[in-house]
Amino acid sequence: MEKILCRHGRQDARPSLTPLNTGTRLLTSKDSDTGSQPLKPVSLQLYQSAVGAPMYAMLGTRHDIAYAVGIGSQFNRTPV
């Protein structure tokens, strides 16, 4: 997991007992009100890599991150 965080520039991320609170709802740019600041486009390949790498870890050893990875993977086709 440390290698994954470094690869995506998140090496300074703080650990958490619960990676994502149950009931958290992520929004796409179409769902959110972005009146004040437009969202920057996201590289589809980079996003899919950032979600896919922890998914591999989740399947083998890190079942505690399943909910967070599952929510993030819902945006694999159109992240923004």
C-alpha atoms as a PDB file:
ATOM      1  CA  MET A   1       0.000   0.000   0.000  1.00  0.00           C
ATOM      2  CA  GLU A   2       2.904   2.365   0.693  1.00  0.00           C
ATOM      3  CA  LYS A   3       4.197   1.881  -2.865  1.00  0.00           C
ATOM      4  CA  ILE A   4       0.733   2.620  -4.251  1.00  0.00           C
ATOM      5  CA  LEU A   5       0.479   5.822  -2.215  1.00  0.00           C
ATOM      6  CA  CYS A   6       3.927   6.979  -3.374  1.00  0.00           C
ATOM      7  CA  ARG A   7       3.149   6.193  -7.013  1.00  0.00           C
ATOM      8  CA  HIS A   8       0.112   8.469  -6.881  1.00  0.00           C
ATOM      9  CA  GLY A   9       1.680  11.267  -4.838  1.00  0.00           C
ATOM     10  CA  ARG A  10      -0.176  10.457  -1.618  1.00  0.00           C
ATOM     11  CA  GLN A  11       2.768   9.386   0.544  1.00  0.00           C
ATOM     12  CA  ASP A  12       1.849  12.018   3.148  1.00  0.00           C
ATOM     13  CA  ALA A  13      -1.714  10.716   3.553  1.00  0.00           C
ATOM     14  CA  ARG A  14      -2.729  10.062   7.144  1.00  0.00           C
ATOM     15  CA  PRO A  15      -3.889   6.576   8.168  1.00  0.00           C
ATOM     16  CA  SER A  16      -7.495   6.075   9.175  1.00  0.00           C
ATOM     17  CA  LEU A  17      -9.316   3.241  10.913  1.00  0.00           C
ATOM     18  CA  THR A  18     -12.217   3.683   8.482  1.00  0.00           C
ATOM     19  CA  PRO A  19     -11.063   4.671   4.980  1.00  0.00           C
ATOM     20  CA  LEU A  20     -14.524   5.973   4.012  1.00  0.00           C
ATOM     21  CA  ASN A  21     -17.550   6.475   6.214  1.00  0.00           C
ATOM     22  CA  THR A  22     -20.514   4.296   5.317  1.00  0.00           C
ATOM     23  CA  GLY A  23     -23.125   6.345   3.511  1.00  0.00           C
ATOM     24  CA  THR A  24     -20.620   8.728   1.916  1.00  0.00           C
ATOM     25  CA  ARG A  25     -21.843   9.731  -1.523  1.00  0.00           C
ATOM     26  CA  LEU A  26     -19.353  10.813  -4.161  1.00  0.00           C
ATOM     27  CA  LEU A  27     -20.538  13.112  -6.920  1.00  0.00           C
ATOM     28  CA  THR A  28     -19.546  13.487 -10.535  1.00  0.00           C
ATOM     29  CA  SER A  29     -19.058  16.916 -12.053  1.00  0.00           C
ATOM     30  CA  LYS A  30     -22.561  16.601 -13.507  1.00  0.00           C
ATOM     31  CA  ASP A  31     -24.055  15.992 -10.044  1.00  0.00           C
ATOM     32  CA  SER A  32     -22.177  18.666  -8.122  1.00  0.00           C
ATOM     33  CA  ASP A  33     -22.618  22.418  -8.065  1.00  0.00           C
ATOM     34  CA  THR A  34     -19.313  23.704  -9.418  1.00  0.00           C
ATOM     35  CA  GLY A  35     -20.365  27.321  -9.843  1.00  0.00           C
ATOM     36  CA  SER A  36     -17.392  28.807  -8.007  1.00  0.00           C
ATOM     37  CA  GLN A  37     -14.546  26.746  -9.424  1.00  0.00           C
ATOM     38  CA  PRO A  38     -14.569  24.373 -12.416  1.00  0.00           C
ATOM     39  CA  LEU A  39     -13.207  20.883 -11.875  1.00  0.00           C
ATOM     40  CA  LYS A  40      -9.951  19.941 -13.565  1.00  0.00           C
ATOM     41  CA  PRO A  41     -10.128  17.035 -16.021  1.00  0.00           C
ATOM     42  CA  VAL A  42      -8.783  13.762 -14.656  1.00  0.00           C
ATOM     43  CA  SER A  43      -6.698  11.273 -16.628  1.00  0.00           C
ATOM     44  CA  LEU A  44      -8.873   8.185 -17.011  1.00  0.00           C
ATOM     45  CA  GLN A  45      -5.834   5.894 -17.019  1.00  0.00           C
ATOM     46  CA  LEU A  46      -4.397   7.487 -13.868  1.00  0.00           C
ATOM     47  CA  TYR A  47      -7.750   7.284 -12.062  1.00  0.00           C
ATOM     48  CA  GLN A  48      -8.253   3.636 -12.992  1.00  0.00           C
ATOM     49  CA  SER A  49      -4.731   2.840 -11.827  1.00  0.00           C
ATOM     50  CA  ALA A  50      -5.322   4.653  -8.530  1.00  0.00           C
ATOM     51  CA  VAL A  51      -8.469   2.571  -7.917  1.00  0.00           C
ATOM     52  CA  GLY A  52      -7.224  -0.706  -9.406  1.00  0.00           C
ATOM     53  CA  ALA A  53      -4.038  -1.027  -7.385  1.00  0.00           C
ATOM     54  CA  PRO A  54      -5.789  -0.946  -3.983  1.00  0.00           C
ATOM     55  CA  MET A  55      -8.466  -3.247  -5.429  1.00  0.00           C
ATOM     56  CA  TYR A  56      -5.810  -5.888  -6.001  1.00  0.00           C
ATOM     57  CA  ALA A  57      -4.614  -5.476  -2.403  1.00  0.00           C
ATOM     58  CA  MET A  58      -8.213  -5.584  -1.175  1.00  0.00           C
ATOM     59  CA  LEU A  59      -8.867  -8.941  -2.824  1.00  0.00           C
ATOM     60  CA  GLY A  60      -5.774 -10.563  -1.326  1.00  0.00           C
ATOM     61  CA  THR A  61      -5.149  -9.116   2.108  1.00  0.00           C
ATOM     62  CA  ARG A  62      -6.851  -5.766   2.793  1.00  0.00           C
ATOM     63  CA  HIS A  63     -10.555  -6.529   3.164  1.00  0.00           C
ATOM     64  CA  ASP A  64     -10.940  -3.452   5.383  1.00  0.00           C
ATOM     65  CA  ILE A  65     -10.719  -1.133   2.364  1.00  0.00           C
ATOM     66  CA  ALA A  66     -13.407  -2.929   0.319  1.00  0.00           C
ATOM     67  CA  TYR A  67     -16.119  -0.295   0.812  1.00  0.00           C
ATOM     68  CA  ALA A  68     -13.891   2.655  -0.130  1.00  0.00           C
ATOM     69  CA  VAL A  69     -12.473   0.892  -3.191  1.00  0.00           C
ATOM     70  CA  GLY A  70     -15.956  -0.156  -4.280  1.00  0.00           C
ATOM     71  CA  ILE A  71     -17.268   3.402  -4.100  1.00  0.00           C
ATOM     72  CA  GLY A  72     -14.264   4.753  -6.003  1.00  0.00           C
ATOM     73  CA  SER A  73     -14.573   2.078  -8.685  1.00  0.00           C
ATOM     74  CA  GLN A  74     -18.085   3.264  -9.537  1.00  0.00           C
ATOM     75  CA  PHE A  75     -16.456   6.197 -11.344  1.00  0.00           C
ATOM     76  CA  ASN A  76     -13.966   4.140 -13.397  1.00  0.00           C
ATOM     77  CA  ARG A  77     -15.659   5.000 -16.658  1.00  0.00           C
ATOM     78  CA  THR A  78     -16.071   8.741 -16.134  1.00  0.00           C
ATOM     79  CA  PRO A  79     -14.176  10.045 -13.052  1.00  0.00           C
ATOM     80  CA  VAL A  80     -15.101  13.713 -13.675  1.00  0.00           C
END
